[in-house]
């Protein structure tokens, strides 16, 4: 608990940065159709529509302001119909598409979200690798992204859950 409090206090001291949001995502129509098909138990159509959501997000590319949200929507759709393992490729492909340093913010956001998904699925080894990668990439930069705190909290929480409080404590302010 002290680790989380220290991390939270650090986050509050980081400078805020504006967020670009979009009220309508490029894949919203397909995503809505997906949920309708899924709720009507038309699983074949739902799977096809889940794939379409990802195709639309992929075509929009990482330069789209709603790319990360679209990736999350595509992952959620496919995972709910086909399971998390087939859906993992969405995050793997999306992260690979966000080349550094051009799409650094999006890359780090996707790493954080993917790490959290893996952690919630009890895939701790993968989650730790992904979240550690996000923290290391951000620490190597002269300025932290707005997702640095998110990655720190996620990684510290995972390490605490794994029974590694000393490792979690190293992620708090003033760490070595």
Protein backbone atom coordinates (compact mmCIF):
# COMPACT_ATOMS: atom_id res chain seq x y z
CA UNK A 1 0.00 0.00 0.00
CA UNK A 2 2.78 2.52 0.76
CA UNK A 3 4.19 1.83 -2.72
CA UNK A 4 0.90 2.71 -4.39
CA UNK A 5 0.59 5.89 -2.35
CA UNK A 6 4.12 6.97 -3.28
CA UNK A 7 3.47 6.29 -6.95
CA UNK A 8 0.16 8.18 -6.81
CA UNK A 9 1.87 11.18 -5.23
CA UNK A 10 4.51 11.10 -7.96
CA UNK A 11 1.82 11.01 -10.62
CA UNK A 12 0.15 14.05 -9.15
CA UNK A 13 3.37 16.00 -9.49
CA UNK A 14 3.91 15.15 -13.17
CA UNK A 15 2.89 17.88 -15.62
CA UNK A 16 -0.47 17.31 -17.24
CA UNK A 17 -0.73 17.11 -20.98
CA UNK A 18 -3.75 17.57 -23.18
CA UNK A 19 -5.54 14.65 -24.69
CA UNK A 20 -6.79 14.48 -28.19
CA UNK A 21 -10.15 12.78 -28.27
CA UNK A 22 -12.52 11.91 -31.00
CA UNK A 23 -16.23 11.65 -30.44
CA UNK A 24 -16.65 9.16 -33.28
CA UNK A 25 -14.15 6.39 -33.91
CA UNK A 26 -13.52 5.04 -37.39
CA UNK A 27 -14.66 1.57 -36.33
CA UNK A 28 -17.75 2.55 -34.30
CA UNK A 29 -20.28 1.35 -36.86
CA UNK A 30 -18.73 -2.11 -37.14
CA UNK A 31 -18.27 -2.26 -33.38
CA UNK A 32 -21.96 -1.48 -32.80
CA UNK A 33 -22.94 -4.12 -35.38
CA UNK A 34 -20.63 -6.59 -33.63
CA UNK A 35 -22.36 -6.11 -30.26
CA UNK A 36 -25.77 -6.39 -31.87
CA UNK A 37 -24.82 -9.70 -33.55
CA UNK A 38 -23.22 -10.98 -30.34
CA UNK A 39 -26.26 -10.07 -28.24
CA UNK A 40 -28.46 -11.88 -30.75
CA UNK A 41 -26.20 -14.96 -30.40
CA UNK A 42 -25.15 -14.75 -34.05
CA UNK A 43 -21.58 -15.72 -33.21
CA UNK A 44 -20.40 -16.32 -36.78
CA UNK A 45 -21.45 -12.81 -37.80
CA UNK A 46 -20.03 -11.40 -34.56
CA UNK A 47 -16.63 -12.96 -35.24
CA UNK A 48 -16.62 -11.58 -38.80
CA UNK A 49 -17.56 -8.14 -37.48
CA UNK A 50 -14.89 -8.29 -34.76
CA UNK A 51 -12.32 -8.95 -37.49
CA UNK A 52 -13.77 -6.06 -39.49
CA UNK A 53 -13.32 -3.73 -36.52
CA UNK A 54 -9.63 -4.64 -36.44
CA UNK A 55 -9.31 -4.28 -40.23
CA UNK A 56 -10.76 -0.76 -40.03
CA UNK A 57 -8.46 0.22 -37.17
CA UNK A 58 -5.43 -1.24 -38.94
CA UNK A 59 -6.30 0.65 -42.14
CA UNK A 60 -6.65 3.92 -40.20
CA UNK A 61 -3.17 3.30 -38.82
CA UNK A 62 -1.33 4.64 -35.80
CA UNK A 63 -1.51 8.23 -37.05
CA UNK A 64 -5.27 8.21 -36.37
CA UNK A 65 -6.09 10.01 -33.12
CA UNK A 66 -8.37 7.15 -32.06
CA UNK A 67 -5.95 4.33 -32.97
CA UNK A 68 -5.31 3.08 -29.41
CA UNK A 69 -9.02 3.18 -28.56
CA UNK A 70 -9.78 1.32 -31.78
CA UNK A 71 -7.20 -1.34 -30.91
CA UNK A 72 -8.83 -1.76 -27.51
CA UNK A 73 -12.29 -2.04 -29.12
CA UNK A 74 -11.04 -4.63 -31.61
CA UNK A 75 -9.32 -6.61 -28.84
CA UNK A 76 -12.41 -6.51 -26.63
CA UNK A 77 -14.67 -7.60 -29.48
CA UNK A 78 -12.49 -10.49 -30.62
CA UNK A 79 -11.63 -11.63 -27.08
CA UNK A 80 -15.30 -11.76 -26.13
CA UNK A 81 -16.15 -14.00 -29.08
CA UNK A 82 -12.97 -16.02 -29.71
CA UNK A 83 -11.03 -15.78 -26.45
CA UNK A 84 -8.02 -13.78 -25.35
CA UNK A 85 -5.37 -15.86 -27.12
CA UNK A 86 -6.60 -15.14 -30.67
CA UNK A 87 -7.20 -11.51 -29.68
CA UNK A 88 -3.61 -11.05 -28.44
CA UNK A 89 -2.41 -10.74 -32.02
CA UNK A 90 -4.32 -7.47 -32.28
CA UNK A 91 -2.16 -5.88 -29.58
CA UNK A 92 1.02 -7.52 -30.90
CA UNK A 93 0.34 -6.20 -34.42
CA UNK A 94 -0.75 -2.77 -33.19
CA UNK A 95 2.35 -2.34 -31.02
CA UNK A 96 4.54 -3.38 -33.95
CA UNK A 97 2.80 -0.77 -36.14
CA UNK A 98 3.59 2.06 -33.72
CA UNK A 99 7.21 2.59 -34.65
CA UNK A 100 9.37 4.55 -32.29
CA UNK A 101 9.93 7.42 -31.77
CA UNK A 102 7.17 8.69 -34.11
CA UNK A 103 4.27 7.02 -32.29
CA UNK A 104 5.86 6.82 -28.84
CA UNK A 105 2.80 7.94 -26.86
CA UNK A 106 0.50 5.46 -28.62
CA UNK A 107 3.13 2.70 -28.37
CA UNK A 108 3.45 3.17 -24.61
CA UNK A 109 -0.31 3.37 -24.11
CA UNK A 110 -0.79 0.10 -26.00
CA UNK A 111 1.98 -1.61 -24.03
CA UNK A 112 0.31 -0.54 -20.78
CA UNK A 113 -3.15 -1.67 -21.79
CA UNK A 114 -1.87 -4.97 -23.20
CA UNK A 115 0.14 -5.60 -20.04
CA UNK A 116 -2.96 -4.99 -17.94
CA UNK A 117 -4.99 -7.40 -20.07
CA UNK A 118 -2.33 -10.08 -19.68
CA UNK A 119 -2.12 -9.45 -15.94
CA UNK A 120 -5.89 -9.75 -15.52
CA UNK A 121 -5.73 -13.06 -17.40
CA UNK A 122 -3.08 -14.29 -14.94
CA UNK A 123 -0.39 -14.31 -17.63
CA UNK A 124 2.03 -12.66 -15.24
CA UNK A 125 5.27 -13.51 -17.05
CA UNK A 126 4.07 -11.92 -20.29
CA UNK A 127 2.50 -9.02 -18.42
CA UNK A 128 5.68 -8.28 -16.50
CA UNK A 129 7.74 -8.35 -19.70
CA UNK A 130 5.35 -5.98 -21.51
CA UNK A 131 4.94 -3.55 -18.60
CA UNK A 132 8.68 -3.55 -17.90
CA UNK A 133 9.28 -2.74 -21.56
CA UNK A 134 6.92 0.24 -21.29
CA UNK A 135 8.68 1.56 -18.17
CA UNK A 136 12.15 1.05 -19.66
CA UNK A 137 11.23 2.76 -22.92
CA UNK A 138 9.79 5.72 -21.08
CA UNK A 139 12.71 5.97 -18.66
CA UNK A 140 15.14 6.02 -21.61
CA UNK A 141 13.46 9.14 -22.93
CA UNK A 142 14.48 12.62 -21.77
CA UNK A 143 10.86 13.35 -20.83
CA UNK A 144 8.23 10.97 -19.51
CA UNK A 145 5.11 10.34 -21.52
CA UNK A 146 1.73 10.92 -19.94
CA UNK A 147 1.40 7.11 -19.67
CA UNK A 148 4.55 6.64 -17.59
CA UNK A 149 2.67 6.72 -14.30
CA UNK A 150 0.10 4.27 -15.62
CA UNK A 151 2.84 1.80 -16.55
CA UNK A 152 4.58 2.27 -13.18
CA UNK A 153 1.40 1.67 -11.20
CA UNK A 154 0.48 -1.36 -13.30
CA UNK A 155 3.93 -2.91 -12.95
CA UNK A 156 4.16 -2.19 -9.21
CA UNK A 157 0.70 -3.64 -8.65
CA UNK A 158 1.63 -6.78 -10.59
CA UNK A 159 4.85 -7.19 -8.59
CA UNK A 160 2.96 -6.79 -5.30
CA UNK A 161 0.42 -9.38 -6.42
CA UNK A 162 3.28 -11.74 -7.29
CA UNK A 163 4.60 -11.39 -3.75
CA UNK A 164 7.53 -9.18 -4.72
CA UNK A 165 7.01 -6.10 -2.53
CA UNK A 166 10.70 -5.14 -2.66
CA UNK A 167 10.56 -5.05 -6.47
CA UNK A 168 7.36 -3.02 -6.31
CA UNK A 169 8.99 -0.62 -3.88
CA UNK A 170 11.85 -0.04 -6.37
CA UNK A 171 9.26 1.47 -8.73
CA UNK A 172 8.34 4.17 -6.21
CA UNK A 173 9.84 7.70 -6.20
CA UNK A 174 13.51 7.90 -5.31
CA UNK A 175 14.19 4.40 -6.59
CA UNK A 176 17.71 3.41 -7.55
